Amino acid sequence: MAKKEPSFEVSLAELEEIVARMEEGEPELAELMEGYSRGILLAQKCAQALERAEKTMDLMVRKNAAGGVEEMELKIEGD
């Protein structure tokens, strides 16, 4: 069975913990490098999740005259 990816909130919380540990003292170089690498991965996952959410929010769904469902791109002034 494939391992489930952590949610956006879980990834963001872990990223915040890494930043806090790095800021609170003088960690060893190895710990900094490990935290930095993990932080980059988490930041990318969070950015991808936000991008997916944004694309989802850009679609407007409505019922058409035939009773079917129609998707339209949501246009927001200023975009």
C-alpha atoms as a PDB file:
ATOM      1  CA  MET A   1       0.000   0.000   0.000  1.00  0.00           C
ATOM      2  CA  ALA A   2       1.338   3.454  -0.939  1.00  0.00           C
ATOM      3  CA  LYS A   3       2.142   5.886   1.836  1.00  0.00           C
ATOM      4  CA  LYS A   4      -0.317   8.783   2.016  1.00  0.00           C
ATOM      5  CA  GLU A   5       1.173  12.242   1.534  1.00  0.00           C
ATOM      6  CA  PRO A   6       0.811  14.539   4.556  1.00  0.00           C
ATOM      7  CA  SER A   7      -1.760  17.318   4.294  1.00  0.00           C
ATOM      8  CA  PHE A   8      -0.836  20.911   3.518  1.00  0.00           C
ATOM      9  CA  GLU A   9      -1.349  21.832   7.168  1.00  0.00           C
ATOM     10  CA  VAL A  10       0.900  19.028   8.440  1.00  0.00           C
ATOM     11  CA  SER A  11       3.644  19.925   5.939  1.00  0.00           C
ATOM     12  CA  LEU A  12       3.428  23.613   6.817  1.00  0.00           C
ATOM     13  CA  ALA A  13       3.581  22.873  10.548  1.00  0.00           C
ATOM     14  CA  GLU A  14       6.697  20.721  10.058  1.00  0.00           C
ATOM     15  CA  LEU A  15       8.294  23.467   7.961  1.00  0.00           C
ATOM     16  CA  GLU A  16       7.574  26.010  10.711  1.00  0.00           C
ATOM     17  CA  GLU A  17       9.151  23.685  13.297  1.00  0.00           C
ATOM     18  CA  ILE A  18      12.303  23.367  11.195  1.00  0.00           C
ATOM     19  CA  VAL A  19      12.578  27.151  10.858  1.00  0.00           C
ATOM     20  CA  ALA A  20      12.050  27.630  14.603  1.00  0.00           C
ATOM     21  CA  ARG A  21      14.793  25.084  15.445  1.00  0.00           C
ATOM     22  CA  MET A  22      17.190  26.824  13.067  1.00  0.00           C
ATOM     23  CA  GLU A  23      16.433  30.242  14.535  1.00  0.00           C
ATOM     24  CA  GLU A  24      16.581  29.330  18.219  1.00  0.00           C
ATOM     25  CA  GLY A  25      20.219  28.448  18.525  1.00  0.00           C
ATOM     26  CA  GLU A  26      23.369  27.487  16.766  1.00  0.00           C
ATOM     27  CA  PRO A  27      22.683  24.063  15.294  1.00  0.00           C
ATOM     28  CA  GLU A  28      25.507  22.002  13.901  1.00  0.00           C
ATOM     29  CA  LEU A  29      26.198  22.209  10.185  1.00  0.00           C
ATOM     30  CA  ALA A  30      24.853  18.695   9.556  1.00  0.00           C
ATOM     31  CA  GLU A  31      21.582  19.591  11.295  1.00  0.00           C
ATOM     32  CA  LEU A  32      21.329  22.820   9.282  1.00  0.00           C
ATOM     33  CA  MET A  33      21.887  20.975   6.009  1.00  0.00           C
ATOM     34  CA  GLU A  34      19.339  18.289   6.885  1.00  0.00           C
ATOM     35  CA  GLY A  35      16.782  20.893   7.971  1.00  0.00           C
ATOM     36  CA  TYR A  36      17.391  22.972   4.871  1.00  0.00           C
ATOM     37  CA  SER A  37      16.918  19.973   2.560  1.00  0.00           C
ATOM     38  CA  ARG A  38      13.739  18.871   4.328  1.00  0.00           C
ATOM     39  CA  GLY A  39      12.471  22.450   4.375  1.00  0.00           C
ATOM     40  CA  ILE A  40      12.945  22.832   0.621  1.00  0.00           C
ATOM     41  CA  LEU A  41      10.989  19.618   0.014  1.00  0.00           C
ATOM     42  CA  LEU A  42       8.182  20.720   2.331  1.00  0.00           C
ATOM     43  CA  ALA A  43       8.046  24.204   0.781  1.00  0.00           C
ATOM     44  CA  GLN A  44       7.711  22.654  -2.692  1.00  0.00           C
ATOM     45  CA  LYS A  45       4.893  20.354  -1.525  1.00  0.00           C
ATOM     46  CA  CYS A  46       3.081  23.297   0.061  1.00  0.00           C
ATOM     47  CA  ALA A  47       3.473  25.394  -3.093  1.00  0.00           C
ATOM     48  CA  GLN A  48       2.103  22.529  -5.227  1.00  0.00           C
ATOM     49  CA  ALA A  49      -0.883  22.106  -2.898  1.00  0.00           C
ATOM     50  CA  LEU A  50      -1.621  25.832  -3.084  1.00  0.00           C
ATOM     51  CA  GLU A  51      -1.347  25.772  -6.880  1.00  0.00           C
ATOM     52  CA  ARG A  52      -3.810  22.847  -7.095  1.00  0.00           C
ATOM     53  CA  ALA A  53      -6.215  24.668  -4.794  1.00  0.00           C
ATOM     54  CA  GLU A  54      -5.937  27.848  -6.848  1.00  0.00           C
ATOM     55  CA  LYS A  55      -6.679  25.982 -10.085  1.00  0.00           C
ATOM     56  CA  THR A  56      -9.678  24.322  -8.457  1.00  0.00           C
ATOM     57  CA  MET A  57     -10.974  27.670  -7.228  1.00  0.00           C
ATOM     58  CA  ASP A  58     -10.618  29.147 -10.716  1.00  0.00           C
ATOM     59  CA  LEU A  59     -13.408  26.890 -11.998  1.00  0.00           C
ATOM     60  CA  MET A  60     -17.042  27.863 -11.678  1.00  0.00           C
ATOM     61  CA  VAL A  61     -19.570  25.042 -11.958  1.00  0.00           C
ATOM     62  CA  ARG A  62     -23.184  25.618 -12.950  1.00  0.00           C
ATOM     63  CA  LYS A  63     -26.167  23.640 -14.160  1.00  0.00           C
ATOM     64  CA  ASN A  64     -26.962  24.126 -17.814  1.00  0.00           C
ATOM     65  CA  ALA A  65     -30.425  24.209 -19.451  1.00  0.00           C
ATOM     66  CA  ALA A  66     -30.246  20.496 -20.300  1.00  0.00           C
ATOM     67  CA  GLY A  67     -29.770  19.627 -16.626  1.00  0.00           C
ATOM     68  CA  GLY A  68     -26.091  18.803 -17.066  1.00  0.00           C
ATOM     69  CA  VAL A  69     -23.145  20.360 -15.319  1.00  0.00           C
ATOM     70  CA  GLU A  70     -20.962  22.927 -17.031  1.00  0.00           C
ATOM     71  CA  GLU A  71     -17.537  24.136 -15.923  1.00  0.00           C
ATOM     72  CA  MET A  72     -16.375  27.614 -16.774  1.00  0.00           C
ATOM     73  CA  GLU A  73     -13.151  29.385 -15.901  1.00  0.00           C
ATOM     74  CA  LEU A  74     -13.804  32.014 -13.277  1.00  0.00           C
ATOM     75  CA  LYS A  75     -12.637  35.442 -14.453  1.00  0.00           C
ATOM     76  CA  ILE A  76     -11.720  37.875 -11.710  1.00  0.00           C
ATOM     77  CA  GLU A  77     -11.157  41.542 -12.456  1.00  0.00           C
ATOM     78  CA  GLY A  78      -7.491  42.421 -12.390  1.00  0.00           C
ATOM     79  CA  ASP A  79      -6.276  38.968 -13.479  1.00  0.00           C
END
